[in-house]
């Protein structure tokens, strides 16, 4: 093996080329060339390796690109990297460095040259024609300038020393398999309530479950559909087909993980990649939200009030089709997300604007994270991608902590009028309206009705069998909408208990 050490120590902005690409600022380092002179020819052992070392300072750009000049005749690219993680004082962010790669087609926004991303989940990856590390796309290693993409997620006060080792293997290119995607239809029950979890991770990003394990967990949780949502890569799309079946619809998407929040691209066309390299201040999100919709998917801001770095949603909800108001185990940031979403309902009523439905997903990554907790239960015409997405888009859904919880919620009034979840009961302002909630599978929980005025009706604790009914009479002049919540007993005096379930609203009134 031929090996060289290339020392590229970056210790200040004056020694770097800094570009603003129309989105986040990006740094391009000096090139690493395997394509000059004798290096164009394969060495005797068929491999050639070079190592780059450097240090990124605090305040480094979001993305740092390391150009690699690759000659003809390369069959495999292998990249390994390490970086120092020194101890830092309490309250100070330490070092975290993501990695990915773009091929000879370039790093322009839109991802034409995108070949894979693993974030901080892996320390090495490979790409060749017939295979690639999960998170990366197989395909020929063509000659030209490739770019290893480094993402300094956070940098300690002393800087971020890193080392990248690039190994090229020479040989015949091999054949890239043709992708096979899961079907867009499963054996449904016609118009019925279907249960799903649309935010899940596997070994194709930072999860630890294989696709087979995710599918098995989904079936065990009683789910009818799931959505592939790996961080910043669509590489899993071509590997899901073997795990679908008549009993499980597998939709395809991505969790677009920007530095200003995450968004689930839900139910997009197979092979759709959505770029993530921008911040709210770059005014680029609208373009990529449209790309999600153009690919047939829904734009779903994920865990909008999560407290992890870069997780808090900063793009506003003007482009949202659905909001993930409940993410994983119910925590205070979910309570804030629920309240924020409820405020958006009030604003839509006041302004006569379209409302945004809510959903819930597990965001499960690994054992013991439970798949399907929570899960979104959607009324759809059939178990197809198109029907499920339409049900979610229309808000004909409720969110439950597990398959054990079942809700039936509707409003009746006027001359035989009836409206279910996500619908409008068209009655005059002072017409009497009866709202009814039937609950099953929530022992010891309490049901309540929430309106644009707040909580206006609360029932007693449900009995040991978890079943009960809550009714309330009101008018459209008193409540512009009503939605239902089922909550566990409080653990902190004066604060509500965690959710066991909640519904999207029923709207009351002519408009």
Protein backbone atom coordinates (compact mmCIF):
# COMPACT_ATOMS: atom_id res chain seq x y z
CA UNK A 1 0.00 0.00 0.00
CA UNK A 2 1.34 3.40 -0.96
CA UNK A 3 0.75 5.93 1.80
CA UNK A 4 1.45 9.65 2.10
CA UNK A 5 0.80 12.14 4.87
CA UNK A 6 -0.55 15.47 3.73
CA UNK A 7 -0.39 18.08 6.47
CA UNK A 8 -3.05 20.74 5.98
CA UNK A 9 -3.19 22.59 9.28
CA UNK A 10 -5.91 25.26 9.27
CA UNK A 11 -5.49 27.62 12.16
CA UNK A 12 -7.14 30.80 11.00
CA UNK A 13 -9.39 32.32 8.40
CA UNK A 14 -6.40 33.91 6.64
CA UNK A 15 -5.17 30.45 5.54
CA UNK A 16 -8.45 29.19 4.16
CA UNK A 17 -10.62 29.83 1.14
CA UNK A 18 -14.02 30.89 2.42
CA UNK A 19 -16.99 30.90 0.07
CA UNK A 20 -20.61 31.85 0.48
CA UNK A 21 -22.47 29.40 -1.75
CA UNK A 22 -25.86 31.11 -1.70
CA UNK A 23 -26.66 29.28 1.51
CA UNK A 24 -24.51 28.45 4.50
CA UNK A 25 -20.91 29.60 4.38
CA UNK A 26 -18.55 26.84 3.31
CA UNK A 27 -14.81 26.35 3.54
CA UNK A 28 -12.88 24.56 0.79
CA UNK A 29 -9.49 23.18 1.76
CA UNK A 30 -6.53 22.52 -0.52
CA UNK A 31 -6.88 19.54 -2.84
CA UNK A 32 -5.58 16.06 -2.15
CA UNK A 33 -4.45 14.67 -5.49
CA UNK A 34 -4.15 11.04 -6.51
CA UNK A 35 -4.14 12.05 -10.18
CA UNK A 36 -0.73 13.60 -10.78
CA UNK A 37 2.35 11.99 -12.29
CA UNK A 38 3.03 8.41 -11.25
CA UNK A 39 -0.02 8.43 -8.97
CA UNK A 40 -2.23 8.01 -12.02
CA UNK A 41 -1.08 4.40 -12.24
CA UNK A 42 -2.20 1.77 -9.78
CA UNK A 43 0.49 0.71 -7.27
CA UNK A 44 1.58 -2.91 -7.10
CA UNK A 45 -0.81 -3.80 -4.29
CA UNK A 46 -3.73 -1.99 -5.92
CA UNK A 47 -4.20 0.60 -3.16
CA UNK A 48 -3.04 4.12 -2.50
CA UNK A 49 -3.62 6.05 0.77
CA UNK A 50 -3.20 9.65 1.84
CA UNK A 51 -3.90 11.30 5.18
CA UNK A 52 -4.89 14.90 5.83
CA UNK A 53 -4.63 16.56 9.22
CA UNK A 54 -5.85 19.95 10.32
CA UNK A 55 -7.62 21.98 12.98
CA UNK A 56 -10.90 23.84 12.63
CA UNK A 57 -11.24 26.91 14.86
CA UNK A 58 -14.30 28.01 16.83
CA UNK A 59 -16.68 29.73 14.47
CA UNK A 60 -15.83 27.43 11.57
CA UNK A 61 -18.38 27.39 8.72
CA UNK A 62 -21.15 24.80 8.74
CA UNK A 63 -19.47 22.76 5.99
CA UNK A 64 -15.84 22.18 5.16
CA UNK A 65 -15.03 20.52 1.84
CA UNK A 66 -11.87 18.53 1.24
CA UNK A 67 -11.35 18.12 -2.55
CA UNK A 68 -9.90 14.78 -3.64
CA UNK A 69 -8.57 14.37 -7.20
CA UNK A 70 -9.39 10.81 -8.26
CA UNK A 71 -7.81 9.27 -11.39
CA UNK A 72 -9.31 6.76 -13.81
CA UNK A 73 -9.28 3.10 -12.87
CA UNK A 74 -10.44 3.40 -9.25
CA UNK A 75 -12.98 0.81 -8.10
CA UNK A 76 -13.43 1.82 -4.46
CA UNK A 77 -13.17 4.93 -2.30
CA UNK A 78 -12.65 4.37 1.42
CA UNK A 79 -12.58 7.24 3.92
CA UNK A 80 -11.84 7.08 7.65
CA UNK A 81 -11.67 10.00 10.04
CA UNK A 82 -10.98 10.83 13.65
CA UNK A 83 -11.05 14.01 15.68
CA UNK A 84 -10.13 15.04 19.20
CA UNK A 85 -12.79 15.33 21.87
CA UNK A 86 -11.14 17.18 24.76
CA UNK A 87 -12.94 17.74 28.03
CA UNK A 88 -14.64 21.13 28.21
CA UNK A 89 -16.07 23.12 31.14
CA UNK A 90 -19.68 22.56 32.10
CA UNK A 91 -22.02 24.50 29.84
CA UNK A 92 -19.51 24.60 26.97
CA UNK A 93 -20.04 22.66 23.76
CA UNK A 94 -17.43 20.06 22.90
CA UNK A 95 -16.28 18.89 19.49
CA UNK A 96 -18.65 17.11 17.12
CA UNK A 97 -17.78 16.53 13.47
CA UNK A 98 -20.08 15.03 10.81
CA UNK A 99 -18.95 13.53 7.51
CA UNK A 100 -20.27 12.76 4.03
CA UNK A 101 -19.14 12.89 0.40
CA UNK A 102 -20.02 14.40 -3.00
CA UNK A 103 -18.75 13.03 -6.27
CA UNK A 104 -17.25 14.69 -9.35
CA UNK A 105 -20.57 16.39 -10.15
CA UNK A 106 -19.90 18.90 -7.40
CA UNK A 107 -21.24 20.23 -4.12
CA UNK A 108 -23.82 22.70 -5.41
CA UNK A 109 -27.04 22.96 -3.42
CA UNK A 110 -29.63 20.53 -4.69
CA UNK A 111 -27.39 17.53 -4.26
CA UNK A 112 -26.61 16.54 -7.85
CA UNK A 113 -23.25 15.22 -6.69
CA UNK A 114 -24.51 13.77 -3.39
CA UNK A 115 -23.15 10.27 -2.68
CA UNK A 116 -23.80 9.86 1.03
CA UNK A 117 -23.88 11.17 4.56
CA UNK A 118 -23.43 9.48 7.92
CA UNK A 119 -23.28 12.53 10.15
CA UNK A 120 -21.44 11.55 13.30
CA UNK A 121 -22.72 7.97 13.32
CA UNK A 122 -19.67 6.37 11.64
CA UNK A 123 -15.92 6.81 11.60
CA UNK A 124 -15.44 5.35 8.11
CA UNK A 125 -17.27 4.56 4.89
CA UNK A 126 -16.69 3.07 1.45
CA UNK A 127 -18.27 3.44 -1.97
CA UNK A 128 -17.93 1.14 -4.95
CA UNK A 129 -20.15 0.25 -7.88
CA UNK A 130 -21.85 -2.77 -6.35
CA UNK A 131 -22.10 -1.72 -2.71
CA UNK A 132 -21.62 1.08 -0.19
CA UNK A 133 -21.69 1.69 3.52
CA UNK A 134 -25.27 2.28 4.75
CA UNK A 135 -25.96 5.98 4.33
CA UNK A 136 -24.05 6.08 1.03
CA UNK A 137 -25.05 5.39 -2.58
CA UNK A 138 -23.34 2.64 -4.56
CA UNK A 139 -22.06 3.56 -7.99
CA UNK A 140 -18.87 3.90 -9.96
CA UNK A 141 -16.01 5.90 -8.50
CA UNK A 142 -15.56 8.08 -11.55
CA UNK A 143 -12.49 10.19 -12.23
CA UNK A 144 -12.60 13.83 -11.23
CA UNK A 145 -12.70 16.02 -8.15
CA UNK A 146 -14.70 14.50 -5.32
CA UNK A 147 -15.35 16.38 -2.08
CA UNK A 148 -15.34 14.90 1.39
CA UNK A 149 -17.82 17.00 3.35
CA UNK A 150 -17.01 17.71 6.97
CA UNK A 151 -19.68 19.25 9.17
CA UNK A 152 -18.31 20.84 12.37
CA UNK A 153 -21.54 20.59 14.34
CA UNK A 154 -19.91 22.17 17.36
CA UNK A 155 -16.32 23.24 18.07
CA UNK A 156 -14.66 23.38 21.48
CA UNK A 157 -12.87 26.60 22.54
CA UNK A 158 -9.48 25.05 21.74
CA UNK A 159 -10.47 24.09 18.21
CA UNK A 160 -11.26 20.80 16.50
CA UNK A 161 -8.17 18.82 15.40
CA UNK A 162 -9.11 16.18 12.80
CA UNK A 163 -7.51 13.55 10.62
CA UNK A 164 -8.95 12.16 7.38
CA UNK A 165 -7.46 9.08 5.69
CA UNK A 166 -8.41 8.41 2.07
CA UNK A 167 -7.74 5.06 0.42
CA UNK A 168 -8.30 4.32 -3.26
CA UNK A 169 -8.52 0.77 -4.55
CA UNK A 170 -7.77 0.28 -8.24
CA UNK A 171 -9.48 -2.32 -10.41
CA UNK A 172 -12.46 -3.12 -12.59
CA UNK A 173 -15.45 -0.90 -11.72
CA UNK A 174 -18.11 -3.56 -11.20
CA UNK A 175 -21.84 -3.27 -11.80
CA UNK A 176 -24.34 -1.16 -9.86
CA UNK A 177 -27.57 -3.01 -9.00
CA UNK A 178 -30.80 -1.51 -10.25
CA UNK A 179 -32.80 -0.19 -7.27
CA UNK A 180 -36.02 -1.94 -6.30
CA UNK A 181 -38.44 0.06 -4.19
CA UNK A 182 -41.30 -1.07 -1.93
CA UNK A 183 -44.82 -1.04 -3.41
CA UNK A 184 -47.07 1.96 -2.82
CA UNK A 185 -50.00 -0.23 -1.80
CA UNK A 186 -50.58 -2.85 0.89
CA UNK A 187 -53.62 -4.99 1.53
CA UNK A 188 -55.89 -2.60 3.35
CA UNK A 189 -59.42 -2.72 4.70
CA UNK A 190 -60.92 -0.09 2.44
CA UNK A 191 -61.87 3.13 4.23
CA UNK A 192 -60.64 2.51 7.75
CA UNK A 193 -58.37 3.75 10.51
CA UNK A 194 -54.72 2.85 9.88
CA UNK A 195 -51.86 3.15 12.37
CA UNK A 196 -48.42 4.41 11.45
CA UNK A 197 -45.07 5.75 12.60
CA UNK A 198 -43.45 8.12 10.11
CA UNK A 199 -40.22 9.09 11.90
CA UNK A 200 -37.82 6.17 12.34
CA UNK A 201 -34.09 5.56 12.05
CA UNK A 202 -31.99 2.55 11.15
CA UNK A 203 -28.36 1.70 10.44
CA UNK A 204 -28.73 3.81 7.30
CA UNK A 205 -28.20 6.91 9.46
CA UNK A 206 -27.66 7.09 13.22
CA UNK A 207 -29.97 4.25 14.25
CA UNK A 208 -28.83 0.84 15.42
CA UNK A 209 -31.63 -1.34 14.11
CA UNK A 210 -31.43 -3.03 10.73
CA UNK A 211 -34.29 -2.48 8.30
CA UNK A 212 -35.55 -5.98 9.09
CA UNK A 213 -35.56 -5.16 12.80
CA UNK A 214 -37.43 -1.88 12.21
CA UNK A 215 -40.05 -3.66 10.12
CA UNK A 216 -40.44 -6.42 12.73
CA UNK A 217 -40.83 -3.83 15.50
CA UNK A 218 -43.44 -1.98 13.44
CA UNK A 219 -45.47 -5.13 12.98
CA UNK A 220 -45.18 -5.96 16.67
CA UNK A 221 -46.49 -2.47 17.50
CA UNK A 222 -49.59 -3.07 15.38
CA UNK A 223 -48.63 -0.58 12.68
CA UNK A 224 -50.05 -0.59 9.18
CA UNK A 225 -47.55 1.86 7.68
CA UNK A 226 -44.15 3.43 8.33
CA UNK A 227 -41.95 6.03 6.61
CA UNK A 228 -38.21 5.79 6.01
CA UNK A 229 -36.67 8.98 7.46
CA UNK A 230 -32.89 8.75 7.67
CA UNK A 231 -30.88 11.88 8.40
CA UNK A 232 -29.86 13.67 5.18
CA UNK A 233 -29.76 10.58 2.98
CA UNK A 234 -32.13 8.55 0.85
CA UNK A 235 -29.75 5.59 0.67
CA UNK A 236 -32.18 3.24 2.45
CA UNK A 237 -34.88 3.65 -0.20
CA UNK A 238 -33.55 0.87 -2.42
CA UNK A 239 -33.29 -1.60 0.47
CA UNK A 240 -36.83 -1.54 1.92
CA UNK A 241 -38.66 -3.66 -0.66
CA UNK A 242 -37.80 -6.99 0.96
CA UNK A 243 -39.39 -5.86 4.25
CA UNK A 244 -42.73 -4.61 2.91
CA UNK A 245 -45.74 -6.87 2.61
CA UNK A 246 -49.50 -7.05 2.40
CA UNK A 247 -49.60 -6.15 6.10
CA UNK A 248 -47.14 -3.23 6.08
CA UNK A 249 -46.97 -0.22 3.76
CA UNK A 250 -43.47 1.27 3.68
CA UNK A 251 -43.28 4.87 2.46
CA UNK A 252 -40.03 6.61 1.61
CA UNK A 253 -38.64 9.94 2.78
CA UNK A 254 -35.83 11.65 4.65
CA UNK A 255 -35.24 13.61 7.83
CA UNK A 256 -33.78 16.83 6.49
CA UNK A 257 -31.46 17.80 9.33
CA UNK A 258 -30.45 21.46 9.06
CA UNK A 259 -28.66 23.58 11.64
CA UNK A 260 -31.94 25.38 12.38
CA UNK A 261 -34.28 22.44 12.79
CA UNK A 262 -35.30 19.09 11.32
CA UNK A 263 -38.10 18.36 8.87
CA UNK A 264 -39.46 14.96 7.86
CA UNK A 265 -39.97 14.62 4.12
CA UNK A 266 -42.84 12.16 4.36
CA UNK A 267 -43.89 9.82 1.56
CA UNK A 268 -41.77 11.22 -1.28
CA UNK A 269 -41.14 9.51 -4.60
CA UNK A 270 -38.48 6.77 -4.45
CA UNK A 271 -34.95 8.10 -4.78
CA UNK A 272 -35.83 11.67 -3.78
CA UNK A 273 -32.98 13.52 -2.05
CA UNK A 274 -33.63 16.80 -0.22
CA UNK A 275 -30.66 19.03 0.57
CA UNK A 276 -30.11 20.25 4.13
CA UNK A 277 -27.18 22.68 3.81
CA UNK A 278 -28.84 25.97 4.71
CA UNK A 279 -30.09 27.93 7.70
CA UNK A 280 -33.23 29.97 8.21
CA UNK A 281 -31.36 33.19 7.46
CA UNK A 282 -30.43 31.87 3.99
CA UNK A 283 -34.06 31.98 2.81
CA UNK A 284 -33.71 28.60 1.06
CA UNK A 285 -36.16 26.38 2.91
CA UNK A 286 -39.13 27.27 0.72
CA UNK A 287 -37.37 25.87 -2.34
CA UNK A 288 -36.75 22.52 -0.68
CA UNK A 289 -40.21 22.38 0.86
CA UNK A 290 -41.55 22.70 -2.68
CA UNK A 291 -39.24 19.91 -3.78
CA UNK A 292 -40.77 17.64 -1.13
CA UNK A 293 -44.27 18.45 -2.37
CA UNK A 294 -43.26 18.11 -6.02
CA UNK A 295 -42.07 14.60 -5.13
CA UNK A 296 -45.52 13.82 -3.75
CA UNK A 297 -44.57 14.14 -0.08
CA UNK A 298 -45.58 16.12 2.99
CA UNK A 299 -43.48 18.73 4.80
CA UNK A 300 -43.47 17.86 8.52
CA UNK A 301 -41.38 19.96 10.94
CA UNK A 302 -40.07 17.46 13.49
CA UNK A 303 -39.81 17.93 17.28
CA UNK A 304 -40.02 21.72 16.80
CA UNK A 305 -39.15 22.58 20.41
CA UNK A 306 -36.48 19.93 21.03
CA UNK A 307 -33.53 21.22 23.01
CA UNK A 308 -30.63 19.49 21.23
CA UNK A 309 -28.24 21.66 19.20
CA UNK A 310 -29.76 22.53 15.84
CA UNK A 311 -33.04 20.73 16.61
CA UNK A 312 -35.23 23.72 17.50
CA UNK A 313 -37.36 24.74 14.52
CA UNK A 314 -36.48 28.23 13.21
CA UNK A 315 -38.09 28.29 9.75
CA UNK A 316 -41.65 29.10 10.78
CA UNK A 317 -44.64 26.99 9.79
CA UNK A 318 -45.71 28.71 6.59
CA UNK A 319 -44.47 25.76 4.53
CA UNK A 320 -45.66 23.00 6.88
CA UNK A 321 -48.26 20.46 5.79
CA UNK A 322 -48.36 18.71 9.18
CA UNK A 323 -46.57 19.41 12.48
CA UNK A 324 -44.97 16.68 14.59
CA UNK A 325 -46.38 17.83 17.93
CA UNK A 326 -45.44 14.65 19.82
CA UNK A 327 -42.04 13.01 19.36
CA UNK A 328 -41.08 9.88 21.30
CA UNK A 329 -41.59 9.65 25.08
CA UNK A 330 -43.78 12.57 26.18
CA UNK A 331 -41.57 15.32 27.65
CA UNK A 332 -41.88 19.05 28.42
CA UNK A 333 -40.78 20.04 24.90
CA UNK A 334 -43.74 18.03 23.55
CA UNK A 335 -46.05 19.94 25.89
CA UNK A 336 -44.66 23.19 24.46
CA UNK A 337 -45.04 21.89 20.89
CA UNK A 338 -48.65 20.92 21.60
CA UNK A 339 -49.43 24.36 23.04
CA UNK A 340 -47.72 26.07 20.12
CA UNK A 341 -49.70 23.98 17.64
CA UNK A 342 -52.94 24.77 19.49
CA UNK A 343 -52.11 28.47 19.25
CA UNK A 344 -51.74 28.02 15.48
CA UNK A 345 -55.29 26.66 15.39
CA UNK A 346 -56.54 29.81 17.12
CA UNK A 347 -54.62 31.96 14.63
CA UNK A 348 -56.10 30.07 11.68
CA UNK A 349 -59.62 30.56 13.02
CA UNK A 350 -59.04 34.24 13.69
CA UNK A 351 -57.45 34.90 10.30
CA UNK A 352 -59.65 32.60 8.24
CA UNK A 353 -56.53 30.77 7.04
CA UNK A 354 -55.92 27.05 6.45
CA UNK A 355 -55.03 25.10 9.57
CA UNK A 356 -52.09 22.71 9.99
CA UNK A 357 -52.82 19.22 11.35
CA UNK A 358 -50.67 17.55 13.99
CA UNK A 359 -49.14 14.09 14.12
CA UNK A 360 -46.95 12.04 16.45
CA UNK A 361 -44.03 9.70 15.79
CA UNK A 362 -41.58 7.66 17.82
CA UNK A 363 -38.26 8.90 16.35
CA UNK A 364 -36.98 5.50 17.49
CA UNK A 365 -33.26 4.90 16.93
CA UNK A 366 -32.30 1.77 18.84
CA UNK A 367 -33.34 -0.60 21.60
CA UNK A 368 -35.04 0.12 23.93
CA UNK A 369 -36.68 2.95 21.93
CA UNK A 370 -40.21 1.66 21.22
CA UNK A 371 -41.33 1.82 17.61
CA UNK A 372 -44.92 3.08 17.37
CA UNK A 373 -44.91 5.12 20.57
CA UNK A 374 -46.53 7.40 19.77
CA UNK A 375 -48.28 6.48 16.55
CA UNK A 376 -50.61 8.41 14.27
CA UNK A 377 -53.98 6.79 13.52
CA UNK A 378 -55.34 8.09 10.22
CA UNK A 379 -58.67 7.64 8.47
CA UNK A 380 -57.79 6.75 4.88
CA UNK A 381 -59.67 5.36 1.91
CA UNK A 382 -57.21 2.47 1.67
CA UNK A 383 -53.73 1.40 2.72
CA UNK A 384 -51.88 3.20 -0.05
CA UNK A 385 -49.29 5.94 -0.07
CA UNK A 386 -51.71 8.37 -1.74
CA UNK A 387 -54.59 7.65 0.64
CA UNK A 388 -52.48 7.78 3.82
CA UNK A 389 -50.88 11.07 2.81
CA UNK A 390 -54.27 12.54 1.97
CA UNK A 391 -55.63 11.54 5.38
CA UNK A 392 -52.67 13.11 7.14
CA UNK A 393 -52.87 16.25 5.00
CA UNK A 394 -56.57 16.66 5.82
CA UNK A 395 -56.01 16.07 9.55
CA UNK A 396 -58.29 13.04 9.69
CA UNK A 397 -56.15 11.54 12.43
CA UNK A 398 -55.42 11.18 16.10
CA UNK A 399 -52.25 10.33 17.98
CA UNK A 400 -52.00 7.50 20.51
CA UNK A 401 -49.21 6.26 22.74
CA UNK A 402 -49.75 2.65 21.57
CA UNK A 403 -52.03 0.28 19.69
CA UNK A 404 -53.96 -0.25 22.93
CA UNK A 405 -55.50 3.23 22.81
CA UNK A 406 -58.51 3.76 20.54
CA UNK A 407 -60.54 6.94 20.16
CA UNK A 408 -63.80 7.80 18.46
CA UNK A 409 -64.44 11.54 18.36
CA UNK A 410 -67.15 13.51 16.56
CA UNK A 411 -69.57 16.42 16.80
CA UNK A 412 -73.26 16.43 15.86
CA UNK A 413 -75.78 19.25 15.54
CA UNK A 414 -78.06 21.21 13.28
CA UNK A 415 -80.35 19.19 11.01
CA UNK A 416 -78.67 15.82 11.34
CA UNK A 417 -75.21 17.25 10.79
CA UNK A 418 -72.17 15.21 11.75
CA UNK A 419 -68.42 15.86 11.57
CA UNK A 420 -65.46 13.72 12.51
CA UNK A 421 -61.82 14.47 13.25
CA UNK A 422 -60.35 17.03 10.85
CA UNK A 423 -63.78 18.05 9.52
CA UNK A 424 -66.12 21.02 9.95
CA UNK A 425 -69.63 20.80 11.40
CA UNK A 426 -71.52 23.47 9.50
CA UNK A 427 -74.00 24.94 11.97
CA UNK A 428 -75.22 28.42 12.80
CA UNK A 429 -73.50 30.20 15.65
CA UNK A 430 -76.14 29.42 18.27
CA UNK A 431 -77.21 25.97 17.12
CA UNK A 432 -76.71 23.36 19.86
CA UNK A 433 -73.80 21.00 19.22
CA UNK A 434 -73.01 17.74 21.01
CA UNK A 435 -69.39 16.62 21.11
CA UNK A 436 -68.67 13.00 22.04
CA UNK A 437 -65.45 11.11 22.74
CA UNK A 438 -65.27 7.35 23.26
CA UNK A 439 -62.02 6.04 24.72
CA UNK A 440 -60.67 2.50 24.98
CA UNK A 441 -57.38 1.25 26.35
CA UNK A 442 -56.45 4.12 28.70
CA UNK A 443 -56.96 2.93 32.31
CA UNK A 444 -56.66 5.63 34.96
CA UNK A 445 -56.41 8.40 32.36
CA UNK A 446 -58.60 11.49 32.13
CA UNK A 447 -60.30 12.76 28.98
CA UNK A 448 -60.86 16.43 28.29
CA UNK A 449 -62.02 18.78 25.55
CA UNK A 450 -59.85 21.71 24.44
CA UNK A 451 -61.21 24.67 22.47
CA UNK A 452 -59.96 28.03 21.26
CA UNK A 453 -60.70 29.22 24.82
CA UNK A 454 -58.74 26.41 26.43
CA UNK A 455 -59.88 23.36 28.42
CA UNK A 456 -63.66 23.61 28.89
CA UNK A 457 -64.68 20.09 29.85
CA UNK A 458 -62.86 17.39 31.82
CA UNK A 459 -64.17 13.97 32.73
CA UNK A 460 -63.45 11.68 35.68
CA UNK A 461 -60.61 9.19 35.66
CA UNK A 462 -61.30 6.22 33.40
CA UNK A 463 -61.91 2.86 35.09
CA UNK A 464 -59.52 -0.08 35.18
CA UNK A 465 -60.64 -1.37 31.80
CA UNK A 466 -59.62 1.97 30.26
CA UNK A 467 -62.96 2.60 28.55
CA UNK A 468 -65.28 5.54 28.90
CA UNK A 469 -67.27 8.28 27.19
CA UNK A 470 -67.13 12.06 27.55
CA UNK A 471 -69.87 14.30 26.14
CA UNK A 472 -70.29 18.07 26.05
CA UNK A 473 -72.90 20.43 24.68
CA UNK A 474 -71.77 23.72 23.20
CA UNK A 475 -72.29 26.12 20.28
CA UNK A 476 -70.12 27.48 17.48
CA UNK A 477 -70.24 30.91 19.09
CA UNK A 478 -68.68 29.48 22.26
CA UNK A 479 -66.15 27.11 20.67
CA UNK A 480 -64.71 27.62 17.18
CA UNK A 481 -63.17 24.17 17.38
CA UNK A 482 -63.00 21.27 19.80
CA UNK A 483 -60.26 18.71 20.09
CA UNK A 484 -59.85 15.88 22.59
CA UNK A 485 -57.00 14.89 24.87
CA UNK A 486 -56.55 11.80 27.04
CA UNK A 487 -53.95 12.27 29.75
CA UNK A 488 -52.28 10.18 32.40
CA UNK A 489 -52.52 11.25 36.03
CA UNK A 490 -50.26 14.24 36.84
CA UNK A 491 -46.88 13.54 38.40
CA UNK A 492 -46.23 17.20 39.30
CA UNK A 493 -48.97 19.04 41.21
CA UNK A 494 -50.54 21.80 39.16
CA UNK A 495 -49.27 20.49 35.81
CA UNK A 496 -51.12 18.24 33.39
CA UNK A 497 -50.16 14.60 33.10
CA UNK A 498 -48.47 13.16 30.04
CA UNK A 499 -50.57 12.50 26.98
CA UNK A 500 -51.96 9.07 26.26
CA UNK A 501 -53.68 10.38 23.12
CA UNK A 502 -54.97 13.53 21.42
CA UNK A 503 -56.98 14.32 18.31
CA UNK A 504 -56.92 16.85 15.58
CA UNK A 505 -59.85 19.26 15.93
CA UNK A 506 -63.43 19.30 14.75
CA UNK A 507 -64.30 22.83 13.62
CA UNK A 508 -67.71 24.35 14.38
CA UNK A 509 -69.52 26.98 12.34
CA UNK A 510 -70.18 27.97 8.77
CA UNK A 511 -66.63 29.15 8.05
